[in-house]
Structures are given as structure tokens and as C-alpha cells.
């Protein structure tokens, strides 16, 4: 069985690979590619972030008196998921805990990713289930990288994000990969003008955003809309030089705050799924 599956519907197509359950292509009816194609500047397309988003201090998960090495964004993006369903317009993949995962993350889990095309929209649902007898602490995040500029040859600085709601909350930046203190947000009302300089200090992190959707707009009116449910936080990232992508990242969880290095179960911003429980998280993109 091939490790990639292509789905099609209503003039859109998407390709998903088993490694990381990762979306690797998203095309319109004319065959135009909207997803970053993993160039040398960044070798990923749209990784799934689990069981952490961002970094832990010293890449160390501390729990119940033991230490485990768990690196940035967790291991799901590098693990091969099993195919559960492969249909013409949808697919579903699954990852469960094993000896390798428990060495880094000492908890039982089942993580499913479902992809579906309908009505000009790709919808991606992450489902986390807790099969264990104790509370499951975890984080989950999406990390899709879209083409920037959206229109070939258009100035990057002529693009913008338009949020569904005014965003008056604070922002954070990263300090050595860890979450820095609150600072004023560059979002002005609903608008965030884009430029490579915006990412000179790494990702822009917006906790507890009011919006559940935004439009990513090019100067000629070309746009895509990203929506999300279940994710309270948003990361926006690119590289400040020479990388033609923009990541729009709904998250539940983020890096450990600078100076925090406690038991993982007490980490700020985590999910806590009760025994036998589950949670769903959805993001979508409409071209």
C-alpha cells in the first residue's frame, strides 16, 4: 500500500502522506499549488504537532520524578500513521502509543487525523483519545505552510491577514524556543500587514484569540480563508529571509514559559483529557 493518498472533490485536490499524517499538497482546479513544497529553507509542509507544541526547557519532560527527552513539537510529525480509511474525497490515519513513544512521553494515547474535501474546502480533524486510567496531559497543533506570495511575483509586503474579530489581546515571541513575556500585538483591529521583518524575532504567538477564522489576502484579491474550532491559540510564522511560505497555525498549547521547568502535567496551557475521554480539533482552508 502506497504511503500517499490523493483526494479530490469540487475542483480541489489534496495529498496526504502516512509519515506524520501530513498534508503535502493542496491544489485548485487549475492545478495551482497553495501549499509550501518543502524547499531547503524548511523541509516540511504542514506537520501535526503532538504531544507538545513548541519546546520544553532543555527538551526534557519531567513527570512523576522521571525525566524523558521530548524535542520541539513532539514526535507525531515524524512517526508513520496507519491508514484507517482511504476514500476518493477523504481519508483517516491513526497513531497509538508504543514502547518508542512511551520512552519520550509516558502516557497512553490514540491520535487520529481525518482529511475531507467538500464544497471547495479542505477540513482537517485531529481526534485525541485517552485509553489510560489517568488523566492525559497533552497539546495539539496544526502547522500548515501556505505559499507566500500567494500570487507569483507579488510583493510579500502587499499581503495581509484579516481576522474575523478585532484582536486586542497581547502577543508573545520566543526566547531560545521558549515562550517570552507578553508584549503589544502587531495586529491592528482586524488587520495584520505581512512582511518578512515581522518574523525577525521568530513566530508571532497570539494566545486566546477572539477569532475563529481569518482571510489571507494577496494584493490582487486572491485569498484563502482558514477556520478553526477547539484551538484557542494561534501561531503565525515564516523565516525572515528567503522562504516563500507563511504558516497559519491553530494551537492548543505552546512552548514552556521562560523560567518554567516543572512537572509536565502542570505545564501552562495543556489539555487534560480524562480516562476514557476524547477531544476533537478542526481546522479548514477554503480556496
C-alpha atoms as a PDB file:
ATOM      1  CA  UNK A   1       0.000   0.000   0.000  1.00  0.00           C
ATOM      2  CA  UNK A   2       1.400   3.382  -1.026  1.00  0.00           C
ATOM      3  CA  UNK A   3       2.270   5.817   1.741  1.00  0.00           C
ATOM      4  CA  UNK A   4       0.448   8.698  -0.004  1.00  0.00           C
ATOM      5  CA  UNK A   5      -3.213   9.190  -0.775  1.00  0.00           C
ATOM      6  CA  UNK A   6      -4.729  11.833  -3.083  1.00  0.00           C
ATOM      7  CA  UNK A   7      -8.266  13.041  -2.519  1.00  0.00           C
ATOM      8  CA  UNK A   8     -10.401  15.126  -4.903  1.00  0.00           C
ATOM      9  CA  UNK A   9     -13.751  16.931  -4.827  1.00  0.00           C
ATOM     10  CA  UNK A  10     -15.359  20.068  -6.246  1.00  0.00           C
ATOM     11  CA  UNK A  11     -12.281  21.157  -8.163  1.00  0.00           C
ATOM     12  CA  UNK A  12      -9.810  20.753  -5.296  1.00  0.00           C
ATOM     13  CA  UNK A  13      -7.236  18.045  -4.662  1.00  0.00           C
ATOM     14  CA  UNK A  14      -5.090  17.259  -1.651  1.00  0.00           C
ATOM     15  CA  UNK A  15      -2.381  14.702  -0.971  1.00  0.00           C
ATOM     16  CA  UNK A  16      -1.672  13.238   2.472  1.00  0.00           C
ATOM     17  CA  UNK A  17       1.294  11.065   3.434  1.00  0.00           C
ATOM     18  CA  UNK A  18       1.432   8.408   6.139  1.00  0.00           C
ATOM     19  CA  UNK A  19       4.594   9.846   7.671  1.00  0.00           C
ATOM     20  CA  UNK A  20       3.281  12.327  10.195  1.00  0.00           C
ATOM     21  CA  UNK A  21      -0.233  12.102   8.689  1.00  0.00           C
ATOM     22  CA  UNK A  22       0.972  15.230   6.886  1.00  0.00           C
ATOM     23  CA  UNK A  23      -0.790  17.226   4.195  1.00  0.00           C
ATOM     24  CA  UNK A  24       1.780  17.624   1.407  1.00  0.00           C
ATOM     25  CA  UNK A  25      -0.225  19.208  -1.441  1.00  0.00           C
ATOM     26  CA  UNK A  26      -3.332  21.364  -1.881  1.00  0.00           C
ATOM     27  CA  UNK A  27      -4.276  22.339  -5.444  1.00  0.00           C
ATOM     28  CA  UNK A  28      -7.095  24.253  -7.118  1.00  0.00           C
ATOM     29  CA  UNK A  29      -8.987  23.196 -10.241  1.00  0.00           C
ATOM     30  CA  UNK A  30      -6.267  24.611 -12.499  1.00  0.00           C
ATOM     31  CA  UNK A  31      -3.581  22.638 -10.699  1.00  0.00           C
ATOM     32  CA  UNK A  32      -2.214  25.652  -8.842  1.00  0.00           C
ATOM     33  CA  UNK A  33      -0.380  24.608  -5.681  1.00  0.00           C
ATOM     34  CA  UNK A  34      -1.212  26.509  -2.486  1.00  0.00           C
ATOM     35  CA  UNK A  35       0.980  24.563  -0.050  1.00  0.00           C
ATOM     36  CA  UNK A  36       4.701  25.112   0.502  1.00  0.00           C
ATOM     37  CA  UNK A  37       6.606  22.316  -1.194  1.00  0.00           C
ATOM     38  CA  UNK A  38       9.233  21.650   1.493  1.00  0.00           C
ATOM     39  CA  UNK A  39      12.151  23.524  -0.028  1.00  0.00           C
ATOM     40  CA  UNK A  40      15.613  23.668   1.540  1.00  0.00           C
ATOM     41  CA  UNK A  41      14.636  26.607   3.770  1.00  0.00           C
ATOM     42  CA  UNK A  42      12.199  24.336   5.658  1.00  0.00           C
ATOM     43  CA  UNK A  43      11.739  20.667   4.837  1.00  0.00           C
ATOM     44  CA  UNK A  44       8.125  20.271   5.929  1.00  0.00           C
ATOM     45  CA  UNK A  45       4.679  21.114   4.511  1.00  0.00           C
ATOM     46  CA  UNK A  46       2.050  21.002   7.272  1.00  0.00           C
ATOM     47  CA  UNK A  47       3.251  18.945  10.244  1.00  0.00           C
ATOM     48  CA  UNK A  48       0.983  17.738  13.038  1.00  0.00           C
ATOM     49  CA  UNK A  49       2.251  18.917  16.436  1.00  0.00           C
ATOM     50  CA  UNK A  50       1.702  16.361  19.225  1.00  0.00           C
ATOM     51  CA  UNK A  51       2.037  15.706  22.164  1.00  0.00           C
ATOM     52  CA  UNK A  52       3.569  19.149  22.639  1.00  0.00           C
ATOM     53  CA  UNK A  53       3.509  22.415  20.743  1.00  0.00           C
ATOM     54  CA  UNK A  54       6.804  24.271  20.834  1.00  0.00           C
ATOM     55  CA  UNK A  55       9.612  23.355  23.230  1.00  0.00           C
ATOM     56  CA  UNK A  56      10.130  22.181  26.774  1.00  0.00           C
ATOM     57  CA  UNK A  57      13.020  23.593  28.777  1.00  0.00           C
ATOM     58  CA  UNK A  58      16.068  21.520  27.948  1.00  0.00           C
ATOM     59  CA  UNK A  59      13.886  19.305  25.714  1.00  0.00           C
ATOM     60  CA  UNK A  60      13.070  17.448  28.930  1.00  0.00           C
ATOM     61  CA  UNK A  61       9.653  16.182  30.027  1.00  0.00           C
ATOM     62  CA  UNK A  62       9.581  15.801  33.805  1.00  0.00           C
ATOM     63  CA  UNK A  63       6.836  13.646  35.269  1.00  0.00           C
ATOM     64  CA  UNK A  64       6.400  11.620  38.448  1.00  0.00           C
ATOM     65  CA  UNK A  65      10.069  12.023  39.359  1.00  0.00           C
ATOM     66  CA  UNK A  66      11.389  10.780  35.982  1.00  0.00           C
ATOM     67  CA  UNK A  67      12.904  12.620  33.020  1.00  0.00           C
ATOM     68  CA  UNK A  68      12.159  11.918  29.345  1.00  0.00           C
ATOM     69  CA  UNK A  69      13.701  13.517  26.279  1.00  0.00           C
ATOM     70  CA  UNK A  70      10.999  15.128  24.129  1.00  0.00           C
ATOM     71  CA  UNK A  71      12.077  17.558  21.426  1.00  0.00           C
ATOM     72  CA  UNK A  72      10.327  20.508  19.801  1.00  0.00           C
ATOM     73  CA  UNK A  73       6.730  19.944  18.621  1.00  0.00           C
ATOM     74  CA  UNK A  74       6.790  16.301  19.721  1.00  0.00           C
ATOM     75  CA  UNK A  75       7.180  13.094  17.742  1.00  0.00           C
ATOM     76  CA  UNK A  76       3.915  12.665  15.803  1.00  0.00           C
ATOM     77  CA  UNK A  77       5.218  14.628  12.805  1.00  0.00           C
ATOM     78  CA  UNK A  78       7.982  12.027  12.321  1.00  0.00           C
ATOM     79  CA  UNK A  79       6.030   8.835  13.004  1.00  0.00           C
ATOM     80  CA  UNK A  80       4.273   6.711  10.409  1.00  0.00           C
ATOM     81  CA  UNK A  81       0.497   6.683  10.939  1.00  0.00           C
ATOM     82  CA  UNK A  82      -1.615   3.717   9.903  1.00  0.00           C
ATOM     83  CA  UNK A  83      -4.291   4.186   7.266  1.00  0.00           C
ATOM     84  CA  UNK A  84      -7.779   3.667   8.700  1.00  0.00           C
ATOM     85  CA  UNK A  85      -9.841   4.860   5.721  1.00  0.00           C
ATOM     86  CA  UNK A  86      -8.913   5.835   2.141  1.00  0.00           C
ATOM     87  CA  UNK A  87     -11.817   7.200   0.116  1.00  0.00           C
ATOM     88  CA  UNK A  88     -11.944   9.338  -3.074  1.00  0.00           C
ATOM     89  CA  UNK A  89     -12.649  12.568  -1.151  1.00  0.00           C
ATOM     90  CA  UNK A  90     -11.472  11.716   2.372  1.00  0.00           C
ATOM     91  CA  UNK A  91      -9.050   9.676   4.450  1.00  0.00           C
ATOM     92  CA  UNK A  92      -8.246   8.926   8.058  1.00  0.00           C
ATOM     93  CA  UNK A  93      -4.998   7.904   9.767  1.00  0.00           C
ATOM     94  CA  UNK A  94      -4.167   6.723  13.290  1.00  0.00           C
ATOM     95  CA  UNK A  95      -1.199   6.699  15.670  1.00  0.00           C
ATOM     96  CA  UNK A  96      -1.167   4.982  19.073  1.00  0.00           C
ATOM     97  CA  UNK A  97       1.381   4.801  21.854  1.00  0.00           C
ATOM     98  CA  UNK A  98       4.097   2.151  21.803  1.00  0.00           C
ATOM     99  CA  UNK A  99       7.401   1.492  23.524  1.00  0.00           C
ATOM    100  CA  UNK A 100       9.151   4.138  21.431  1.00  0.00           C
ATOM    101  CA  UNK A 101       6.621   6.854  22.195  1.00  0.00           C
ATOM    102  CA  UNK A 102       6.440   5.994  25.907  1.00  0.00           C
ATOM    103  CA  UNK A 103      10.205   6.433  26.250  1.00  0.00           C
ATOM    104  CA  UNK A 104       9.691  10.110  25.366  1.00  0.00           C
ATOM    105  CA  UNK A 105       6.135  10.604  26.591  1.00  0.00           C
ATOM    106  CA  UNK A 106       4.970   8.204  29.321  1.00  0.00           C
ATOM    107  CA  UNK A 107       1.252   8.239  28.532  1.00  0.00           C
ATOM    108  CA  UNK A 108      -1.165   6.124  26.529  1.00  0.00           C
ATOM    109  CA  UNK A 109      -2.981   7.858  23.657  1.00  0.00           C
ATOM    110  CA  UNK A 110      -4.716   7.394  20.325  1.00  0.00           C
ATOM    111  CA  UNK A 111      -4.384  10.207  17.779  1.00  0.00           C
ATOM    112  CA  UNK A 112      -6.400  10.251  14.566  1.00  0.00           C
ATOM    113  CA  UNK A 113      -6.189  12.700  11.662  1.00  0.00           C
ATOM    114  CA  UNK A 114      -9.097  12.906   9.229  1.00  0.00           C
ATOM    115  CA  UNK A 115      -8.996  14.841   5.933  1.00  0.00           C
ATOM    116  CA  UNK A 116     -12.081  15.621   3.849  1.00  0.00           C
ATOM    117  CA  UNK A 117     -12.765  17.742   0.755  1.00  0.00           C
ATOM    118  CA  UNK A 118     -16.217  19.194   0.113  1.00  0.00           C
ATOM    119  CA  UNK A 119     -17.634  22.447  -1.273  1.00  0.00           C
ATOM    120  CA  UNK A 120     -14.257  23.984  -2.045  1.00  0.00           C
ATOM    121  CA  UNK A 121     -12.953  23.414   1.486  1.00  0.00           C
ATOM    122  CA  UNK A 122     -10.404  21.032   2.977  1.00  0.00           C
ATOM    123  CA  UNK A 123     -11.301  20.132   6.567  1.00  0.00           C
ATOM    124  CA  UNK A 124      -8.731  18.533   8.889  1.00  0.00           C
ATOM    125  CA  UNK A 125      -9.876  17.000  12.181  1.00  0.00           C
ATOM    126  CA  UNK A 126      -7.491  15.811  14.884  1.00  0.00           C
ATOM    127  CA  UNK A 127      -9.042  13.488  17.477  1.00  0.00           C
ATOM    128  CA  UNK A 128      -7.220  12.595  20.702  1.00  0.00           C
ATOM    129  CA  UNK A 129      -8.477   9.730  22.865  1.00  0.00           C
ATOM    130  CA  UNK A 130      -7.240   8.699  26.308  1.00  0.00           C
ATOM    131  CA  UNK A 131      -7.302   4.893  26.707  1.00  0.00           C
ATOM    132  CA  UNK A 132      -5.487   5.019  30.023  1.00  0.00           C
ATOM    133  CA  UNK A 133      -6.596   5.120  33.653  1.00  0.00           C
ATOM    134  CA  UNK A 134      -5.079   8.515  34.450  1.00  0.00           C
ATOM    135  CA  UNK A 135      -5.595  11.996  33.026  1.00  0.00           C
ATOM    136  CA  UNK A 136      -3.793  12.530  29.697  1.00  0.00           C
ATOM    137  CA  UNK A 137      -1.882  15.840  29.561  1.00  0.00           C
ATOM    138  CA  UNK A 138      -1.018  16.909  26.011  1.00  0.00           C
ATOM    139  CA  UNK A 139      -1.030  19.658  23.411  1.00  0.00           C
ATOM    140  CA  UNK A 140      -2.066  19.610  19.756  1.00  0.00           C
ATOM    141  CA  UNK A 141      -1.317  21.963  16.911  1.00  0.00           C
ATOM    142  CA  UNK A 142      -1.625  22.402  13.163  1.00  0.00           C
ATOM    143  CA  UNK A 143       1.266  23.897  11.179  1.00  0.00           C
ATOM    144  CA  UNK A 144       0.212  24.366   7.520  1.00  0.00           C
ATOM    145  CA  UNK A 145       2.589  26.408   5.365  1.00  0.00           C
ATOM    146  CA  UNK A 146       0.905  28.288   2.522  1.00  0.00           C
ATOM    147  CA  UNK A 147       2.543  29.853  -0.494  1.00  0.00           C
ATOM    148  CA  UNK A 148       3.813  33.396   0.117  1.00  0.00           C
ATOM    149  CA  UNK A 149       3.381  35.312  -2.084  1.00  0.00           C
ATOM    150  CA  UNK A 150       0.015  33.812  -2.977  1.00  0.00           C
ATOM    151  CA  UNK A 151       0.363  35.319  -6.468  1.00  0.00           C
ATOM    152  CA  UNK A 152       3.746  34.751  -8.152  1.00  0.00           C
ATOM    153  CA  UNK A 153       5.710  37.972  -8.351  1.00  0.00           C
ATOM    154  CA  UNK A 154       3.513  39.943  -5.939  1.00  0.00           C
ATOM    155  CA  UNK A 155       5.375  41.751  -3.149  1.00  0.00           C
ATOM    156  CA  UNK A 156       5.206  39.880   0.141  1.00  0.00           C
ATOM    157  CA  UNK A 157       4.599  43.191   1.909  1.00  0.00           C
ATOM    158  CA  UNK A 158       1.380  43.687  -0.081  1.00  0.00           C
ATOM    159  CA  UNK A 159      -0.257  40.692   1.633  1.00  0.00           C
ATOM    160  CA  UNK A 160      -2.226  40.801   4.870  1.00  0.00           C
ATOM    161  CA  UNK A 161      -4.228  38.696   7.299  1.00  0.00           C
ATOM    162  CA  UNK A 162      -7.757  39.872   8.100  1.00  0.00           C
ATOM    163  CA  UNK A 163      -9.171  38.353  11.288  1.00  0.00           C
ATOM    164  CA  UNK A 164     -12.837  37.543  11.802  1.00  0.00           C
ATOM    165  CA  UNK A 165     -12.889  39.641  15.003  1.00  0.00           C
ATOM    166  CA  UNK A 166     -10.778  42.524  16.317  1.00  0.00           C
ATOM    167  CA  UNK A 167      -7.772  41.108  18.148  1.00  0.00           C
ATOM    168  CA  UNK A 168      -6.858  43.332  21.064  1.00  0.00           C
ATOM    169  CA  UNK A 169      -5.049  40.733  23.163  1.00  0.00           C
ATOM    170  CA  UNK A 170      -1.322  40.549  23.811  1.00  0.00           C
ATOM    171  CA  UNK A 171       1.255  38.686  21.781  1.00  0.00           C
ATOM    172  CA  UNK A 172       4.300  36.612  22.681  1.00  0.00           C
ATOM    173  CA  UNK A 173       7.621  35.934  20.991  1.00  0.00           C
ATOM    174  CA  UNK A 174      10.060  33.102  21.565  1.00  0.00           C
ATOM    175  CA  UNK A 175      13.280  33.361  23.553  1.00  0.00           C
ATOM    176  CA  UNK A 176      15.526  30.403  22.821  1.00  0.00           C
ATOM    177  CA  UNK A 177      12.432  28.497  21.712  1.00  0.00           C
ATOM    178  CA  UNK A 178      10.604  29.176  24.994  1.00  0.00           C
ATOM    179  CA  UNK A 179       7.640  31.485  25.485  1.00  0.00           C
ATOM    180  CA  UNK A 180       8.661  35.048  26.217  1.00  0.00           C
ATOM    181  CA  UNK A 181       6.635  37.601  28.199  1.00  0.00           C
ATOM    182  CA  UNK A 182       3.525  39.349  26.946  1.00  0.00           C
ATOM    183  CA  UNK A 183       4.043  42.281  24.597  1.00  0.00           C
ATOM    184  CA  UNK A 184       1.817  44.506  22.439  1.00  0.00           C
ATOM    185  CA  UNK A 185       0.358  42.759  19.409  1.00  0.00           C
ATOM    186  CA  UNK A 186       1.127  43.995  15.883  1.00  0.00           C
ATOM    187  CA  UNK A 187      -2.486  43.220  14.895  1.00  0.00           C
ATOM    188  CA  UNK A 188      -4.383  46.478  14.387  1.00  0.00           C
ATOM    189  CA  UNK A 189      -8.056  45.814  14.911  1.00  0.00           C
ATOM    190  CA  UNK A 190      -8.709  43.006  12.471  1.00  0.00           C
ATOM    191  CA  UNK A 191      -5.678  43.599  10.201  1.00  0.00           C
ATOM    192  CA  UNK A 192      -2.151  42.225  10.312  1.00  0.00           C
ATOM    193  CA  UNK A 193       0.072  43.545   7.479  1.00  0.00           C
ATOM    194  CA  UNK A 194       2.627  40.934   6.473  1.00  0.00           C
ATOM    195  CA  UNK A 195       6.327  41.367   5.796  1.00  0.00           C
ATOM    196  CA  UNK A 196       9.447  39.239   6.286  1.00  0.00           C
ATOM    197  CA  UNK A 197      10.509  41.666   9.045  1.00  0.00           C
ATOM    198  CA  UNK A 198       7.521  40.519  11.117  1.00  0.00           C
ATOM    199  CA  UNK A 199       9.390  37.250  11.717  1.00  0.00           C
ATOM    200  CA  UNK A 200      12.800  38.668  12.603  1.00  0.00           C
ATOM    201  CA  UNK A 201      12.097  37.506  16.175  1.00  0.00           C
ATOM    202  CA  UNK A 202      10.704  34.124  15.151  1.00  0.00           C
ATOM    203  CA  UNK A 203       6.996  33.234  15.366  1.00  0.00           C
ATOM    204  CA  UNK A 204       4.243  35.612  16.375  1.00  0.00           C
ATOM    205  CA  UNK A 205       2.099  33.892  19.028  1.00  0.00           C
ATOM    206  CA  UNK A 206      -1.428  35.070  19.831  1.00  0.00           C
ATOM    207  CA  UNK A 207      -2.980  33.350  22.869  1.00  0.00           C
ATOM    208  CA  UNK A 208      -6.743  33.074  23.330  1.00  0.00           C
ATOM    209  CA  UNK A 209      -7.657  34.726  20.031  1.00  0.00           C
ATOM    210  CA  UNK A 210     -11.207  36.053  19.715  1.00  0.00           C
ATOM    211  CA  UNK A 211     -11.450  34.955  16.068  1.00  0.00           C
ATOM    212  CA  UNK A 212     -12.164  31.502  14.714  1.00  0.00           C
ATOM    213  CA  UNK A 213     -11.302  32.449  11.132  1.00  0.00           C
ATOM    214  CA  UNK A 214      -9.078  34.723   9.080  1.00  0.00           C
ATOM    215  CA  UNK A 215      -8.504  35.613   5.430  1.00  0.00           C
ATOM    216  CA  UNK A 216      -5.026  35.522   3.932  1.00  0.00           C
ATOM    217  CA  UNK A 217      -5.149  38.098   1.141  1.00  0.00           C
ATOM    218  CA  UNK A 218      -2.926  38.965  -1.823  1.00  0.00           C
ATOM    219  CA  UNK A 219      -2.946  42.448  -3.429  1.00  0.00           C
ATOM    220  CA  UNK A 220      -4.935  41.311  -6.499  1.00  0.00           C
ATOM    221  CA  UNK A 221      -7.779  39.921  -4.389  1.00  0.00           C
ATOM    222  CA  UNK A 222      -6.598  36.300  -4.405  1.00  0.00           C
ATOM    223  CA  UNK A 223      -7.295  34.901  -0.941  1.00  0.00           C
ATOM    224  CA  UNK A 224      -7.811  31.827   1.154  1.00  0.00           C
ATOM    225  CA  UNK A 225      -9.775  31.505   4.382  1.00  0.00           C
ATOM    226  CA  UNK A 226      -8.572  29.478   7.359  1.00  0.00           C
ATOM    227  CA  UNK A 227     -11.066  28.480  10.073  1.00  0.00           C
ATOM    228  CA  UNK A 228     -10.545  26.559  13.311  1.00  0.00           C
ATOM    229  CA  UNK A 229     -12.518  25.084  16.213  1.00  0.00           C
ATOM    230  CA  UNK A 230     -11.187  23.791  19.526  1.00  0.00           C
ATOM    231  CA  UNK A 231      -7.852  25.579  19.195  1.00  0.00           C
ATOM    232  CA  UNK A 232      -7.692  28.682  21.425  1.00  0.00           C
ATOM    233  CA  UNK A 233      -4.263  29.901  20.333  1.00  0.00           C
ATOM    234  CA  UNK A 234      -2.683  30.910  17.028  1.00  0.00           C
ATOM    235  CA  UNK A 235       0.888  30.927  15.786  1.00  0.00           C
ATOM    236  CA  UNK A 236       1.988  32.792  12.646  1.00  0.00           C
ATOM    237  CA  UNK A 237       5.454  32.066  11.305  1.00  0.00           C
ATOM    238  CA  UNK A 238       7.844  32.320   8.420  1.00  0.00           C
ATOM    239  CA  UNK A 239      11.564  32.773   8.062  1.00  0.00           C
ATOM    240  CA  UNK A 240      12.683  36.396   7.771  1.00  0.00           C
ATOM    241  CA  UNK A 241      14.790  35.790   4.659  1.00  0.00           C
ATOM    242  CA  UNK A 242      14.383  33.705   1.522  1.00  0.00           C
ATOM    243  CA  UNK A 243      11.466  31.422   2.432  1.00  0.00           C
ATOM    244  CA  UNK A 244       8.312  31.721   0.324  1.00  0.00           C
ATOM    245  CA  UNK A 245       5.834  30.373   2.866  1.00  0.00           C
ATOM    246  CA  UNK A 246       3.528  31.620   5.590  1.00  0.00           C
ATOM    247  CA  UNK A 247       2.420  29.279   8.387  1.00  0.00           C
ATOM    248  CA  UNK A 248      -1.014  29.902   9.901  1.00  0.00           C
ATOM    249  CA  UNK A 249      -1.101  27.612  12.944  1.00  0.00           C
ATOM    250  CA  UNK A 250      -4.090  26.931  15.219  1.00  0.00           C
ATOM    251  CA  UNK A 251      -2.809  25.509  18.512  1.00  0.00           C
ATOM    252  CA  UNK A 252      -3.964  24.218  21.870  1.00  0.00           C
ATOM    253  CA  UNK A 253      -0.794  24.727  23.903  1.00  0.00           C
ATOM    254  CA  UNK A 254       2.551  26.380  23.281  1.00  0.00           C
ATOM    255  CA  UNK A 255       6.166  26.369  24.466  1.00  0.00           C
ATOM    256  CA  UNK A 256       7.020  26.341  28.142  1.00  0.00           C
ATOM    257  CA  UNK A 257       7.306  29.876  29.502  1.00  0.00           C
ATOM    258  CA  UNK A 258      10.826  31.137  30.102  1.00  0.00           C
ATOM    259  CA  UNK A 259      11.790  30.081  33.630  1.00  0.00           C
ATOM    260  CA  UNK A 260       9.189  27.290  33.926  1.00  0.00           C
ATOM    261  CA  UNK A 261      10.523  23.734  34.323  1.00  0.00           C
ATOM    262  CA  UNK A 262       8.018  21.832  36.447  1.00  0.00           C
ATOM    263  CA  UNK A 263       6.130  18.552  36.197  1.00  0.00           C
ATOM    264  CA  UNK A 264       4.720  18.189  32.694  1.00  0.00           C
ATOM    265  CA  UNK A 265       1.173  17.608  33.923  1.00  0.00           C
ATOM    266  CA  UNK A 266       1.233  21.121  35.420  1.00  0.00           C
ATOM    267  CA  UNK A 267       2.578  22.879  32.316  1.00  0.00           C
ATOM    268  CA  UNK A 268       0.547  26.006  31.463  1.00  0.00           C
ATOM    269  CA  UNK A 269      -1.840  25.703  28.539  1.00  0.00           C
ATOM    270  CA  UNK A 270      -2.067  21.917  28.285  1.00  0.00           C
ATOM    271  CA  UNK A 271      -5.136  19.817  27.570  1.00  0.00           C
ATOM    272  CA  UNK A 272      -6.180  17.382  30.303  1.00  0.00           C
ATOM    273  CA  UNK A 273      -8.260  14.545  28.850  1.00  0.00           C
ATOM    274  CA  UNK A 274      -9.907  12.295  31.463  1.00  0.00           C
ATOM    275  CA  UNK A 275      -9.635   8.489  31.336  1.00  0.00           C
ATOM    276  CA  UNK A 276     -11.814   7.167  28.537  1.00  0.00           C
ATOM    277  CA  UNK A 277     -12.344  10.682  27.190  1.00  0.00           C
ATOM    278  CA  UNK A 278     -11.566  12.258  23.842  1.00  0.00           C
ATOM    279  CA  UNK A 279     -11.349  15.693  22.213  1.00  0.00           C
ATOM    280  CA  UNK A 280     -11.685  16.849  18.596  1.00  0.00           C
ATOM    281  CA  UNK A 281      -9.935  19.802  16.974  1.00  0.00           C
ATOM    282  CA  UNK A 282     -10.691  21.066  13.482  1.00  0.00           C
ATOM    283  CA  UNK A 283      -9.124  23.482  11.046  1.00  0.00           C
ATOM    284  CA  UNK A 284     -10.097  24.097   7.449  1.00  0.00           C
ATOM    285  CA  UNK A 285      -8.953  26.064   4.420  1.00  0.00           C
ATOM    286  CA  UNK A 286     -11.186  27.367   1.656  1.00  0.00           C
ATOM    287  CA  UNK A 287      -9.591  28.454  -1.604  1.00  0.00           C
END
